[in-house]
Structures are given as structure tokens and as C-alpha cells.
């Protein structure tokens, strides 16, 4: 028995070692199996399948050409699916789509239920894998189109002729493979004003969520409120100004004091109104515009920002005119170096939204009268009065009519030319009183400058030969003379009814050409 125990122990030890070796071998076999590369998922998506997809889902057929080119580039295989399901980049895209409301846009993809089922799994996605991939691709192009703004044909129909930001679908297509564009929100990709308005949109939506602002009730026959007056409406005005930051504190007092007057002046200066020491009916009307309407105005102007090439504002020197604001700005090295009030075209002779390159300044200019004015005004005047031309300081010139240079010339003493098919330019005017008005839409289409002499001096600062004294002599010479700029200056004439200024203040302006309503309908239609 003593001999038997060591033998049994040896057998048991051998069995354990043998089992361990088998287990190790089995473990290694399992490890090898788990480390085997799973074949890459490949779903065939060719032109035949894509054409069939659009027969089933015709509401996105406008993207067919881009989609065909994209899958051809990817060897007719899927873009958004792998062995684990939908790739992370697709989820990022869907989240961006769901967040379109923050961009002032509606997330109304034509097949919203189908696309939602892919990512939310409620109800379970019933699309075939090929159709799932195609649906996500169409969502991608839908999103790109939305954030790029309405197409150029539409903007031209809306009389917007400024250089458009180009939508390069090839670049967007490439970004799908790089998986970089959707998640990258660098602000350099859009006109900078867009992001400022987007922040303002969130602020005003927060105000709306909290109930907006109440209507200020002043009663019939209201004429004005001044410092020292005490009525319930003053408390309402105070609360309204506090909501939008025009007043820093709300004392809730019903007495009109210097703090309230200061607040109303802030409000007026940010709403295209001349600041006054009294509160008038037009101020109450402006204060009572609902927050929902202000939100629409912000959304409309965010859309206009989508159309603008962000490269425009990177120029070293340019002039911009905002029609609803009735102001001209000269920007140099990204700083505002000059500001002037302007008069723009009236509703029947709108100033065109476009751009040009200023190349000449004309001192003591002739005014070559447009044929339309000759027909409607000059000829009827001549028929009634044989001395009409002389009395108006006009003369015939090669079959046309022009006004002689001088202080009474309709173009004033200087004009600034940037050749364009619209025959629009900047110029002086003898009608100086118009610049004192809040609404300054009175011209035949050209832009009248309130400070033309100062603008000429600022533009010619780089030329030491053109001193302010020499500019004055040229302006009053009574004889036309031309100065060619050594470097052309871009001029942009735009139309913005909401704008965040460089101090961070949100400004609203009257929709003088009634263009906002048609654009908001376009943006919110299903």
C-alpha cells in the first residue's frame, strides 16, 4: 500500500498536467478564432439600386445626381454602415439635423419617420440595409442644402445680387470619407454675422419660452411721456426694456426718471429710431412688436448670412451699405474707420442689393439724366415752359440731357463710381435735410451720402497729393474732374433688417422694401 500511494499521486499529477495542457490548447484555439478578421461589410449600391430607391422615395430625387456620383466614387458600396451597424459619423449627422432649429431652420426632411427609425429604433428600422444607407446619404445632402441657404436662382428672384457663397458638393462629398465636416463647427466657415445672430436667436427664444413681453397699454389718444410723468404704462415700459437688456435693472417704478429715458434711448438707437428725451407713440408701437416676430426677423437675416461668402469680410478695405439701416461704413484692416448716413431708393425705385469695385471719384460732376426721367419729367416740363432747361441748369448733350456742375446739381459736388449694369453709384446731394429723417428711402435708386466730402478725404488718405484743401477746390471748381483710384475698393450694398453690431448689440431695422415676409414663408414651408 505504501508503494501504491506514490503511484496514484503520480497518475493524478499527470492527469492534471494533461488536462491543463488540453485546456491551454483549447484556449489558444479559441483565441485564434476570436482574432480572426471578420470580413468587411460590403453592400452593393449601384445605379440600378439608386434609381429604384428614388422611385420609392421621390421627394428627395433632386439629390440623385450627387448621390450617384458619390457611390460611384465609393466603388458602389455603402457609406454609413459597417459590421457594428450605423457608423458614429452618421449619428453626428442625425444630431446636427435634429438641431437645425438652433440654426433658425425647420428639420423637415421629407422622410423624417424613416430617418428617425434608423437612429432612434422606434419603431424598429424596417428599411433594407441598402435603403438605410441611401436614406442617410440623402439626409446628408438635405442638411448641406439647408445650412447653405436657398439656391442662387431663388436669391436672384429675391433681388439679392451680392456674390453668393458657393456650395461645392464635391467638397461636401469628400468630407463624408474624411468624416470631418459635420462635427467641425469652426466659425470661419460662415459669414461672422451668422453666429452673432444665432446667439441672439437663442436669447430671444429663451424670452419667448418665459412668456415673452406683455403689451404696453397707453390707451387711446396717447401723445407722449416725459421725465416726471407717472402712469402704469411706465412700469410696463421699464419691464419691457429690462427683458432685452436696454435697462440693466428694473426698479418697477411707475415714475418716468432719467434711468428710464436712458433705457428708451438705448432701445431707439438699436431700432433705427432717433434717440429722444420723450416717449412717443411710434416708440410704444416698436416696443409692442411681439417676440415671435422678432425671432422671425432674426431667422430671415441668418438666412441672408448663409448666402454671403465669408471671404468678403476678410478684405483689407471695403465699403458696405445696409439699406434698411440707411448707413454706409468704410472698413479698413477690419476696423470701422468711417460712418455716414445715406439716402437709398424709394419703394418704386429700390436700391439694388449687389456689389461692385469703386474705381473713380468724380468732382463737380455732370448729372447724365436717365431716359426714364427725361420721358417722365424733362419733356413734360419743356412742353410747358420753353426756358425749362435753363432754369433747371440743364443742357442737351449728344441727344441726351445733363445737368451742369454746381451746388444745385442733383449729384451734389462729388460722386463715387463702381461700374455696374444697374447704373447705381454713391453721390452727394443738395437735399441735406433728408438725412435728418429716420426713414431715408427717397432716391431714384442711387445711394446719397450724407458726408461725401469726408468720405472722399478718407478714401484718398493714401495719396499725399490729394489734400483736403485740394479736394475742396475740386468739389467747388464748377468743372468736372476725375480721379482714378490707385487701388479699386469693393462696395457691397446689402439688406439686413437685424444686425449685431461690434459692441454686441442686436439691432432691428424697418423692412423698407417688404422683403422679410416672403423669405420667412420660404424658410418655414413644409
Protein backbone atom coordinates (compact mmCIF):
# COMPACT_ATOMS: atom_id res chain seq x y z
CA UNK A 1 0.00 0.00 0.00
CA UNK A 2 2.94 2.28 0.70
CA UNK A 3 4.14 1.71 -2.87
CA UNK A 4 0.61 2.26 -4.27
CA UNK A 5 0.12 5.82 -2.88
CA UNK A 6 3.06 7.41 -4.77
CA UNK A 7 1.86 5.69 -7.94
CA UNK A 8 -1.65 7.06 -7.56
CA UNK A 9 -0.26 10.53 -6.84
CA UNK A 10 1.90 10.38 -9.98
CA UNK A 11 -1.07 9.33 -12.11
CA UNK A 12 -3.20 12.16 -10.68
CA UNK A 13 -0.42 14.69 -11.28
CA UNK A 14 -0.04 13.52 -14.87
CA UNK A 15 -3.81 13.81 -15.39
CA UNK A 16 -3.87 17.38 -14.08
CA UNK A 17 -0.92 18.40 -16.25
CA UNK A 18 -2.52 16.70 -19.26
CA UNK A 19 -5.85 18.45 -18.65
CA UNK A 20 -4.13 21.77 -18.20
CA UNK A 21 -2.28 21.32 -21.48
CA UNK A 22 -5.54 20.44 -23.25
CA UNK A 23 -7.26 23.48 -21.72
CA UNK A 24 -4.37 25.71 -22.75
CA UNK A 25 -4.52 24.28 -26.27
CA UNK A 26 -8.30 24.80 -26.42
CA UNK A 27 -7.87 28.35 -25.09
CA UNK A 28 -5.31 29.09 -27.77
CA UNK A 29 -7.66 27.69 -30.40
CA UNK A 30 -10.50 29.93 -29.12
CA UNK A 31 -8.15 32.90 -29.05
CA UNK A 32 -7.10 32.23 -32.62
CA UNK A 33 -10.77 32.02 -33.66
CA UNK A 34 -11.65 35.30 -31.90
CA UNK A 35 -8.68 37.05 -33.50
CA UNK A 36 -9.74 36.06 -37.00
CA UNK A 37 -10.63 39.18 -39.01
CA UNK A 38 -14.35 39.44 -39.67
CA UNK A 39 -14.93 40.12 -43.36
CA UNK A 40 -15.62 43.79 -44.01
CA UNK A 41 -19.27 44.56 -44.63
CA UNK A 42 -19.94 45.29 -48.28
CA UNK A 43 -23.37 46.25 -49.53
CA UNK A 44 -23.74 46.70 -53.25
CA UNK A 45 -25.38 50.03 -54.10
CA UNK A 46 -25.19 50.58 -57.85
CA UNK A 47 -27.00 52.91 -60.25
CA UNK A 48 -29.83 50.42 -60.72
CA UNK A 49 -30.44 50.24 -56.97
CA UNK A 50 -30.21 54.01 -56.61
CA UNK A 51 -32.72 54.60 -59.40
CA UNK A 52 -35.10 52.13 -57.77
CA UNK A 53 -34.67 53.90 -54.43
CA UNK A 54 -35.84 57.22 -55.90
CA UNK A 55 -38.91 55.57 -57.35
CA UNK A 56 -39.81 54.55 -53.81
CA UNK A 57 -38.76 57.88 -52.30
CA UNK A 58 -39.37 60.55 -54.98
CA UNK A 59 -39.38 63.54 -52.61
CA UNK A 60 -35.57 63.57 -52.48
CA UNK A 61 -34.92 62.87 -56.16
CA UNK A 62 -33.25 66.30 -56.57
CA UNK A 63 -30.17 64.81 -54.88
CA UNK A 64 -29.95 61.86 -57.31
CA UNK A 65 -27.04 63.14 -59.41
CA UNK A 66 -24.87 63.90 -56.39
CA UNK A 67 -25.77 60.55 -54.80
CA UNK A 68 -24.94 58.60 -57.97
CA UNK A 69 -21.54 60.30 -58.22
CA UNK A 70 -20.83 59.70 -54.54
CA UNK A 71 -21.49 55.94 -54.61
CA UNK A 72 -19.59 55.56 -57.87
CA UNK A 73 -16.60 57.14 -56.14
CA UNK A 74 -17.00 54.60 -53.30
CA UNK A 75 -16.99 51.63 -55.69
CA UNK A 76 -20.79 51.23 -55.43
CA UNK A 77 -20.67 50.20 -51.77
CA UNK A 78 -22.24 51.60 -48.62
CA UNK A 79 -21.04 54.77 -46.88
CA UNK A 80 -22.67 54.77 -43.46
CA UNK A 81 -22.85 51.12 -42.29
CA UNK A 82 -20.28 48.64 -41.03
CA UNK A 83 -20.38 45.31 -39.18
CA UNK A 84 -21.45 47.05 -35.97
CA UNK A 85 -24.29 48.97 -37.59
CA UNK A 86 -24.51 52.71 -38.28
CA UNK A 87 -21.14 54.45 -38.03
CA UNK A 88 -20.62 57.24 -35.48
CA UNK A 89 -20.32 59.93 -38.16
CA UNK A 90 -23.89 59.14 -39.23
CA UNK A 91 -25.10 59.66 -35.67
CA UNK A 92 -23.33 63.02 -35.62
CA UNK A 93 -25.13 63.94 -38.84
CA UNK A 94 -28.52 62.97 -37.40
CA UNK A 95 -27.88 65.01 -34.24
CA UNK A 96 -26.93 68.01 -36.37
CA UNK A 97 -30.13 67.54 -38.37
CA UNK A 98 -32.21 67.41 -35.19
CA UNK A 99 -30.50 70.61 -34.06
CA UNK A 100 -31.44 72.61 -37.16
CA UNK A 101 -33.92 74.62 -35.12
CA UNK A 102 -30.96 76.22 -33.33
CA UNK A 103 -29.86 77.44 -36.78
CA UNK A 104 -33.24 79.06 -37.37
CA UNK A 105 -34.34 76.24 -39.71
CA UNK A 106 -37.02 73.57 -39.66
CA UNK A 107 -35.92 69.92 -39.50
CA UNK A 108 -38.47 68.70 -42.04
CA UNK A 109 -36.67 66.02 -44.05
CA UNK A 110 -39.36 64.56 -46.37
CA UNK A 111 -38.90 61.07 -44.91
CA UNK A 112 -38.42 62.10 -41.30
CA UNK A 113 -40.14 58.99 -39.92
CA UNK A 114 -37.84 56.69 -41.89
CA UNK A 115 -34.67 58.51 -40.94
CA UNK A 116 -35.70 58.71 -37.28
CA UNK A 117 -36.34 54.97 -37.14
CA UNK A 118 -32.75 54.33 -38.25
CA UNK A 119 -31.24 56.24 -35.34
CA UNK A 120 -33.90 56.09 -32.64
CA UNK A 121 -35.03 52.48 -33.30
CA UNK A 122 -38.61 53.45 -32.51
CA UNK A 123 -40.27 51.93 -34.40
CA UNK A 124 -37.68 49.35 -35.45
CA UNK A 125 -35.98 50.32 -38.71
CA UNK A 126 -37.74 48.38 -41.47
CA UNK A 127 -35.54 49.63 -44.30
CA UNK A 128 -33.24 47.23 -46.13
CA UNK A 129 -29.54 47.89 -45.49
CA UNK A 130 -29.02 49.45 -48.93
CA UNK A 131 -32.03 51.73 -48.48
CA UNK A 132 -30.84 52.63 -44.97
CA UNK A 133 -27.50 53.77 -46.36
CA UNK A 134 -29.16 55.69 -49.19
CA UNK A 135 -31.60 57.37 -46.81
CA UNK A 136 -28.71 58.64 -44.65
CA UNK A 137 -26.89 59.91 -47.75
CA UNK A 138 -29.98 61.86 -48.80
CA UNK A 139 -30.24 63.27 -45.28
CA UNK A 140 -26.64 64.43 -45.64
CA UNK A 141 -27.32 66.38 -48.84
CA UNK A 142 -30.57 67.72 -47.39
CA UNK A 143 -28.63 69.03 -44.37
CA UNK A 144 -25.92 70.57 -46.58
CA UNK A 145 -28.56 72.32 -48.69
CA UNK A 146 -30.34 73.65 -45.59
CA UNK A 147 -27.28 75.11 -43.90
CA UNK A 148 -26.01 76.55 -47.20
CA UNK A 149 -29.19 78.59 -47.76
CA UNK A 150 -31.74 78.66 -50.55
CA UNK A 151 -30.34 78.26 -54.06
CA UNK A 152 -28.89 81.09 -56.14
CA UNK A 153 -31.84 81.13 -58.53
CA UNK A 154 -34.15 81.84 -55.58
CA UNK A 155 -31.95 84.57 -54.14
CA UNK A 156 -31.84 86.31 -57.51
CA UNK A 157 -35.64 86.20 -57.61
CA UNK A 158 -35.49 87.89 -54.20
CA UNK A 159 -33.36 90.66 -55.80
CA UNK A 160 -30.18 89.64 -53.98
CA UNK A 161 -27.20 90.09 -56.32
CA UNK A 162 -24.31 90.12 -53.86
CA UNK A 163 -21.66 87.43 -54.53
CA UNK A 164 -23.01 84.13 -53.25
CA UNK A 165 -21.17 81.68 -51.07
CA UNK A 166 -20.57 78.78 -53.47
CA UNK A 167 -21.91 75.37 -52.48
CA UNK A 168 -19.31 72.86 -53.67
CA UNK A 169 -20.99 69.49 -53.39
CA UNK A 170 -17.74 67.78 -54.37
CA UNK A 171 -16.10 69.16 -51.23
CA UNK A 172 -19.03 68.01 -49.13
CA UNK A 173 -18.89 64.60 -50.78
CA UNK A 174 -15.20 64.26 -49.97
CA UNK A 175 -15.90 65.15 -46.36
CA UNK A 176 -18.03 62.03 -45.96
CA UNK A 177 -14.92 59.92 -46.49
CA UNK A 178 -12.82 62.15 -44.21
CA UNK A 179 -15.63 62.24 -41.66
CA UNK A 180 -14.80 65.82 -40.66
CA UNK A 181 -17.28 68.42 -41.90
CA UNK A 182 -20.44 67.79 -39.87
CA UNK A 183 -18.80 67.65 -36.45
CA UNK A 184 -16.41 70.53 -37.16
CA UNK A 185 -18.15 73.80 -36.22
CA UNK A 186 -15.35 76.29 -36.82
CA UNK A 187 -16.80 79.76 -37.14
CA UNK A 188 -14.60 80.61 -40.11
CA UNK A 189 -16.93 78.60 -42.33
CA UNK A 190 -19.71 81.17 -42.29
CA UNK A 191 -20.07 84.92 -42.53
CA UNK A 192 -19.30 86.02 -38.95
CA UNK A 193 -22.62 87.85 -38.52
CA UNK A 194 -24.39 84.49 -38.81
CA UNK A 195 -23.01 83.24 -35.49
CA UNK A 196 -23.84 86.50 -33.73
CA UNK A 197 -27.45 86.28 -34.92
CA UNK A 198 -27.59 82.62 -33.92
CA UNK A 199 -26.66 83.57 -30.35
CA UNK A 200 -29.31 86.31 -30.43
CA UNK A 201 -31.87 83.77 -31.64
CA UNK A 202 -31.23 81.58 -28.61
CA UNK A 203 -31.59 84.61 -26.31
CA UNK A 204 -34.93 85.63 -27.84
CA UNK A 205 -36.23 82.06 -27.79
CA UNK A 206 -35.48 81.93 -24.07
CA UNK A 207 -37.52 85.12 -23.64
CA UNK A 208 -40.32 83.52 -25.66
CA UNK A 209 -40.25 80.37 -23.50
CA UNK A 210 -40.74 82.51 -20.42
CA UNK A 211 -43.81 84.14 -21.92
CA UNK A 212 -42.28 86.93 -23.98
CA UNK A 213 -43.17 90.50 -23.10
CA UNK A 214 -46.57 91.96 -22.35
CA UNK A 215 -48.27 94.59 -24.49
CA UNK A 216 -47.75 98.10 -23.16
CA UNK A 217 -51.14 99.73 -22.74
CA UNK A 218 -51.19 103.51 -23.12
CA UNK A 219 -54.82 103.99 -24.14
CA UNK A 220 -56.40 105.95 -26.98
CA UNK A 221 -55.25 109.50 -27.56
CA UNK A 222 -51.78 108.82 -26.15
CA UNK A 223 -49.31 111.53 -27.25
CA UNK A 224 -46.13 111.26 -25.19
CA UNK A 225 -44.45 110.54 -21.87
CA UNK A 226 -41.66 112.64 -20.42
CA UNK A 227 -39.46 112.74 -17.34
CA UNK A 228 -41.57 113.19 -14.21
CA UNK A 229 -44.76 111.61 -15.62
CA UNK A 230 -46.31 108.84 -13.54
CA UNK A 231 -48.62 106.22 -15.12
CA UNK A 232 -48.90 102.42 -15.04
CA UNK A 233 -47.55 102.20 -18.62
CA UNK A 234 -44.15 103.45 -17.41
CA UNK A 235 -43.75 100.36 -15.23
CA UNK A 236 -44.65 98.23 -18.25
CA UNK A 237 -42.09 100.04 -20.41
CA UNK A 238 -39.47 99.55 -17.71
CA UNK A 239 -40.14 95.80 -17.57
CA UNK A 240 -40.03 95.54 -21.38
CA UNK A 241 -36.68 97.34 -21.64
CA UNK A 242 -35.22 95.19 -18.86
CA UNK A 243 -36.08 91.96 -20.73
CA UNK A 244 -33.91 92.89 -23.72
CA UNK A 245 -31.11 94.49 -21.74
CA UNK A 246 -31.85 98.12 -22.61
CA UNK A 247 -32.24 98.65 -18.86
CA UNK A 248 -29.77 96.91 -16.55
CA UNK A 249 -32.11 96.99 -13.54
CA UNK A 250 -35.89 97.03 -13.12
CA UNK A 251 -36.91 99.26 -10.24
CA UNK A 252 -40.60 98.62 -11.14
CA UNK A 253 -41.28 102.31 -10.59
CA UNK A 254 -44.19 103.92 -12.46
CA UNK A 255 -42.39 107.27 -12.50
CA UNK A 256 -40.52 108.26 -15.63
CA UNK A 257 -36.98 109.11 -14.47
CA UNK A 258 -33.59 109.69 -16.12
CA UNK A 259 -32.81 105.95 -15.93
CA UNK A 260 -35.91 105.11 -17.97
CA UNK A 261 -35.16 107.86 -20.51
CA UNK A 262 -31.64 106.48 -20.87
CA UNK A 263 -33.09 102.98 -21.42
CA UNK A 264 -35.55 104.16 -24.06
CA UNK A 265 -32.70 105.96 -25.84
CA UNK A 266 -30.74 102.69 -25.90
CA UNK A 267 -33.76 100.97 -27.38
CA UNK A 268 -34.26 103.69 -30.01
CA UNK A 269 -30.63 103.64 -31.10
CA UNK A 270 -30.88 99.85 -31.69
CA UNK A 271 -34.14 100.06 -33.64
CA UNK A 272 -33.39 102.66 -36.29
CA UNK A 273 -35.01 105.46 -34.30
CA UNK A 274 -33.55 108.85 -33.40
CA UNK A 275 -32.99 108.95 -29.60
CA UNK A 276 -35.25 111.49 -27.91
CA UNK A 277 -35.94 112.66 -24.37
CA UNK A 278 -39.62 111.72 -24.62
CA UNK A 279 -41.55 108.52 -25.33
CA UNK A 280 -43.79 108.77 -28.40
CA UNK A 281 -46.49 106.52 -29.91
CA UNK A 282 -44.03 105.17 -32.51
CA UNK A 283 -41.74 104.04 -29.68
CA UNK A 284 -44.61 102.19 -27.98
CA UNK A 285 -45.51 100.54 -31.30
CA UNK A 286 -41.92 99.34 -31.70
CA UNK A 287 -41.77 98.08 -28.11
CA UNK A 288 -45.02 96.14 -28.64
CA UNK A 289 -43.80 94.10 -31.63
CA UNK A 290 -44.12 90.51 -30.31
CA UNK A 291 -41.00 88.47 -29.54
CA UNK A 292 -42.22 85.87 -32.07
CA UNK A 293 -41.98 88.48 -34.84
CA UNK A 294 -38.51 89.49 -33.69
CA UNK A 295 -37.48 85.82 -33.85
CA UNK A 296 -38.70 85.60 -37.44
CA UNK A 297 -36.66 88.67 -38.33
CA UNK A 298 -33.53 87.11 -36.83
CA UNK A 299 -34.15 83.86 -38.73
CA UNK A 300 -34.61 85.72 -42.03
CA UNK A 301 -31.32 87.55 -41.59
CA UNK A 302 -29.48 84.38 -40.60
CA UNK A 303 -30.60 83.01 -43.95
CA UNK A 304 -29.22 86.08 -45.74
CA UNK A 305 -25.92 85.49 -43.95
CA UNK A 306 -25.81 81.96 -45.39
CA UNK A 307 -25.65 83.45 -48.87
CA UNK A 308 -22.59 85.60 -48.19
CA UNK A 309 -19.10 84.36 -48.95
CA UNK A 310 -17.17 84.78 -45.65
CA UNK A 311 -14.12 85.79 -47.69
CA UNK A 312 -15.77 89.16 -48.37
CA UNK A 313 -15.22 90.43 -44.83
CA UNK A 314 -11.55 89.45 -44.89
CA UNK A 315 -10.71 92.24 -47.34
CA UNK A 316 -8.30 94.94 -46.16
CA UNK A 317 -10.56 97.78 -47.31
CA UNK A 318 -14.18 97.85 -48.46
CA UNK A 319 -17.38 99.85 -48.24
CA UNK A 320 -20.66 98.37 -47.05
CA UNK A 321 -24.12 99.91 -47.21
CA UNK A 322 -27.03 98.42 -45.29
CA UNK A 323 -30.22 99.63 -46.98
CA UNK A 324 -32.67 99.25 -44.03
CA UNK A 325 -30.17 100.90 -41.67
CA UNK A 326 -29.62 103.85 -44.05
CA UNK A 327 -25.90 103.81 -43.25
CA UNK A 328 -22.57 103.46 -45.04
CA UNK A 329 -19.43 102.04 -43.42
CA UNK A 330 -15.84 102.14 -44.62
CA UNK A 331 -13.91 99.17 -43.22
CA UNK A 332 -10.12 99.20 -43.19
CA UNK A 333 -7.97 96.49 -41.63
CA UNK A 334 -11.13 95.04 -40.04
CA UNK A 335 -11.96 98.29 -38.24
CA UNK A 336 -14.75 100.79 -38.98
CA UNK A 337 -12.90 103.97 -39.92
CA UNK A 338 -15.82 105.97 -41.33
CA UNK A 339 -19.62 106.04 -40.99
CA UNK A 340 -22.15 108.15 -42.88
CA UNK A 341 -25.94 108.29 -43.08
CA UNK A 342 -27.29 107.56 -46.56
CA UNK A 343 -30.49 108.01 -48.54
CA UNK A 344 -31.50 104.94 -50.59
CA UNK A 345 -34.06 104.21 -53.28
CA UNK A 346 -37.74 104.55 -52.54
CA UNK A 347 -40.06 101.55 -52.82
CA UNK A 348 -40.79 102.17 -56.52
CA UNK A 349 -37.09 102.63 -57.39
CA UNK A 350 -35.38 100.25 -54.98
CA UNK A 351 -31.63 100.33 -54.49
CA UNK A 352 -30.33 97.01 -55.79
CA UNK A 353 -28.57 94.55 -53.47
CA UNK A 354 -25.29 93.93 -55.30
CA UNK A 355 -21.55 94.67 -55.28
CA UNK A 356 -19.04 96.48 -57.45
CA UNK A 357 -15.47 97.79 -57.49
CA UNK A 358 -15.08 101.53 -56.94
CA UNK A 359 -12.53 102.88 -59.42
CA UNK A 360 -13.20 106.62 -59.85
CA UNK A 361 -14.17 109.68 -57.84
CA UNK A 362 -15.71 112.48 -59.92
CA UNK A 363 -15.55 116.04 -58.57
CA UNK A 364 -18.05 118.73 -59.71
CA UNK A 365 -19.89 116.08 -61.73
CA UNK A 366 -22.40 116.43 -64.51
CA UNK A 367 -25.62 114.51 -63.96
CA UNK A 368 -26.49 112.50 -67.05
CA UNK A 369 -30.22 112.23 -66.65
CA UNK A 370 -31.67 108.72 -67.19
CA UNK A 371 -34.04 108.30 -70.18
CA UNK A 372 -36.90 107.38 -67.82
CA UNK A 373 -36.65 110.76 -66.05
CA UNK A 374 -36.29 112.62 -69.38
CA UNK A 375 -39.52 110.99 -70.52
CA UNK A 376 -41.49 111.40 -67.27
CA UNK A 377 -40.22 114.81 -66.07
CA UNK A 378 -37.99 116.71 -68.53
CA UNK A 379 -40.05 116.53 -71.70
CA UNK A 380 -43.36 117.39 -69.97
CA UNK A 381 -41.58 120.33 -68.29
CA UNK A 382 -40.18 121.55 -71.60
CA UNK A 383 -43.63 121.33 -73.17
CA UNK A 384 -45.00 123.69 -70.52
CA UNK A 385 -42.02 126.04 -70.28
CA UNK A 386 -39.59 126.87 -73.10
CA UNK A 387 -36.97 128.02 -70.54
CA UNK A 388 -37.28 124.83 -68.51
CA UNK A 389 -33.74 123.54 -69.32
CA UNK A 390 -32.00 126.82 -68.45
CA UNK A 391 -33.96 127.29 -65.23
CA UNK A 392 -33.03 123.77 -64.12
CA UNK A 393 -29.36 124.23 -65.14
CA UNK A 394 -29.77 121.56 -67.82
CA UNK A 395 -28.33 121.22 -71.32
CA UNK A 396 -28.63 118.94 -74.32
CA UNK A 397 -25.62 116.67 -74.81
CA UNK A 398 -25.46 114.46 -77.91
CA UNK A 399 -29.19 113.72 -77.90
CA UNK A 400 -29.36 113.35 -74.13
CA UNK A 401 -29.84 115.77 -71.25
CA UNK A 402 -27.38 116.53 -68.49
CA UNK A 403 -27.31 118.87 -65.52
CA UNK A 404 -24.35 121.22 -65.28
CA UNK A 405 -21.91 121.01 -62.34
CA UNK A 406 -22.59 123.15 -59.29
CA UNK A 407 -24.01 123.20 -55.79
CA UNK A 408 -27.56 122.67 -57.11
CA UNK A 409 -26.62 119.64 -59.21
CA UNK A 410 -28.69 116.63 -58.13
CA UNK A 411 -25.46 114.66 -57.60
CA UNK A 412 -24.04 117.42 -55.44
CA UNK A 413 -20.32 118.16 -55.60
CA UNK A 414 -18.87 114.64 -55.85
CA UNK A 415 -19.80 111.13 -56.93
CA UNK A 416 -18.12 107.74 -56.40
CA UNK A 417 -18.27 105.30 -59.30
CA UNK A 418 -18.19 101.49 -59.30
CA UNK A 419 -19.27 100.37 -62.81
CA UNK A 420 -22.34 98.12 -62.82
CA UNK A 421 -25.27 97.24 -65.05
CA UNK A 422 -27.70 98.78 -62.56
CA UNK A 423 -26.24 102.28 -63.10
CA UNK A 424 -26.00 102.80 -59.33
CA UNK A 425 -23.33 104.85 -57.58
CA UNK A 426 -22.69 106.85 -54.41
CA UNK A 427 -23.05 110.61 -54.58
CA UNK A 428 -23.50 113.90 -52.76
CA UNK A 429 -26.86 115.74 -52.83
CA UNK A 430 -28.09 119.30 -52.28
CA UNK A 431 -31.11 117.90 -50.35
CA UNK A 432 -29.32 117.73 -46.98
CA UNK A 433 -32.47 117.85 -44.87
CA UNK A 434 -33.40 114.27 -45.82
CA UNK A 435 -30.52 112.92 -43.73
CA UNK A 436 -32.28 114.12 -40.59
CA UNK A 437 -35.22 111.76 -41.16
CA UNK A 438 -35.49 108.28 -39.68
CA UNK A 439 -36.80 106.74 -42.90
CA UNK A 440 -34.45 107.72 -45.72
CA UNK A 441 -35.82 105.91 -48.77
CA UNK A 442 -36.24 108.77 -51.25
CA UNK A 443 -33.83 108.37 -54.17
CA UNK A 444 -34.29 107.02 -57.70
CA UNK A 445 -32.06 104.08 -56.76
CA UNK A 446 -28.58 105.54 -56.23
CA UNK A 447 -27.15 105.98 -52.74
CA UNK A 448 -26.87 109.57 -51.50
CA UNK A 449 -24.08 110.04 -48.96
CA UNK A 450 -24.57 112.37 -46.00
CA UNK A 451 -20.83 113.02 -45.57
CA UNK A 452 -19.43 112.95 -49.12
CA UNK A 453 -16.51 115.33 -48.53
CA UNK A 454 -15.35 113.34 -45.51
CA UNK A 455 -15.68 110.07 -47.47
CA UNK A 456 -13.54 111.45 -50.31
CA UNK A 457 -10.88 112.61 -47.83
CA UNK A 458 -10.83 109.21 -46.10
CA UNK A 459 -10.60 107.28 -49.38
CA UNK A 460 -7.74 109.47 -50.65
CA UNK A 461 -5.69 109.49 -47.44
CA UNK A 462 -3.08 107.29 -49.05
CA UNK A 463 -2.39 109.87 -51.76
CA UNK A 464 -0.43 112.82 -50.28
CA UNK A 465 -1.16 114.93 -53.38
CA UNK A 466 -4.90 114.86 -52.63
CA UNK A 467 -5.04 117.04 -49.54
CA UNK A 468 -8.40 118.09 -48.02
CA UNK A 469 -7.78 121.58 -49.49
CA UNK A 470 -7.28 120.17 -52.99
CA UNK A 471 -10.41 118.02 -52.63
CA UNK A 472 -12.40 121.11 -51.57
CA UNK A 473 -11.17 123.06 -54.62
CA UNK A 474 -12.09 120.20 -56.95
CA UNK A 475 -15.54 119.88 -55.42
CA UNK A 476 -16.27 123.60 -55.90
CA UNK A 477 -14.48 124.13 -59.23
CA UNK A 478 -17.70 124.11 -61.27
CA UNK A 479 -15.81 121.98 -63.80
CA UNK A 480 -15.93 118.19 -63.87
CA UNK A 481 -12.68 116.36 -63.00
CA UNK A 482 -11.95 112.68 -62.48
CA UNK A 483 -9.65 110.94 -60.03
CA UNK A 484 -8.78 107.29 -60.67
CA UNK A 485 -8.17 105.29 -57.52
CA UNK A 486 -4.77 103.61 -57.38
CA UNK A 487 -6.46 100.53 -55.94
CA UNK A 488 -10.08 99.62 -56.55
CA UNK A 489 -12.28 99.38 -53.47
CA UNK A 490 -15.07 96.76 -53.17
CA UNK A 491 -18.54 98.18 -52.45
CA UNK A 492 -21.21 95.87 -51.01
CA UNK A 493 -24.82 97.01 -50.85
CA UNK A 494 -26.77 94.66 -48.58
CA UNK A 495 -30.19 94.27 -46.99
CA UNK A 496 -30.30 93.29 -43.32
CA UNK A 497 -33.22 94.04 -41.01
CA UNK A 498 -31.43 92.52 -38.00
CA UNK A 499 -27.74 93.01 -37.25
CA UNK A 500 -25.45 92.54 -34.26
CA UNK A 501 -23.03 95.45 -34.10
CA UNK A 502 -19.41 95.38 -32.96
CA UNK A 503 -20.44 96.21 -29.42
CA UNK A 504 -22.58 93.08 -29.31
CA UNK A 505 -25.90 94.93 -29.51
CA UNK A 506 -28.71 93.41 -31.55
CA UNK A 507 -30.25 95.99 -33.87
CA UNK A 508 -33.56 95.83 -35.75
CA UNK A 509 -34.46 98.00 -38.75
CA UNK A 510 -37.66 98.61 -40.69
CA UNK A 511 -38.24 96.26 -43.63
CA UNK A 512 -38.37 99.19 -46.06
CA UNK A 513 -38.79 97.04 -49.19
CA UNK A 514 -41.11 94.47 -47.53
CA UNK A 515 -38.83 91.51 -48.23
CA UNK A 516 -38.84 89.63 -44.92
CA UNK A 517 -42.31 88.05 -45.15
CA UNK A 518 -41.71 86.28 -48.47
CA UNK A 519 -38.41 84.88 -47.19
CA UNK A 520 -39.79 83.64 -43.87
CA UNK A 521 -42.57 81.83 -45.79
CA UNK A 522 -39.93 80.19 -47.97
CA UNK A 523 -37.96 79.05 -44.92
CA UNK A 524 -40.90 77.68 -42.95
CA UNK A 525 -42.88 75.97 -45.68
CA UNK A 526 -43.18 72.24 -45.40
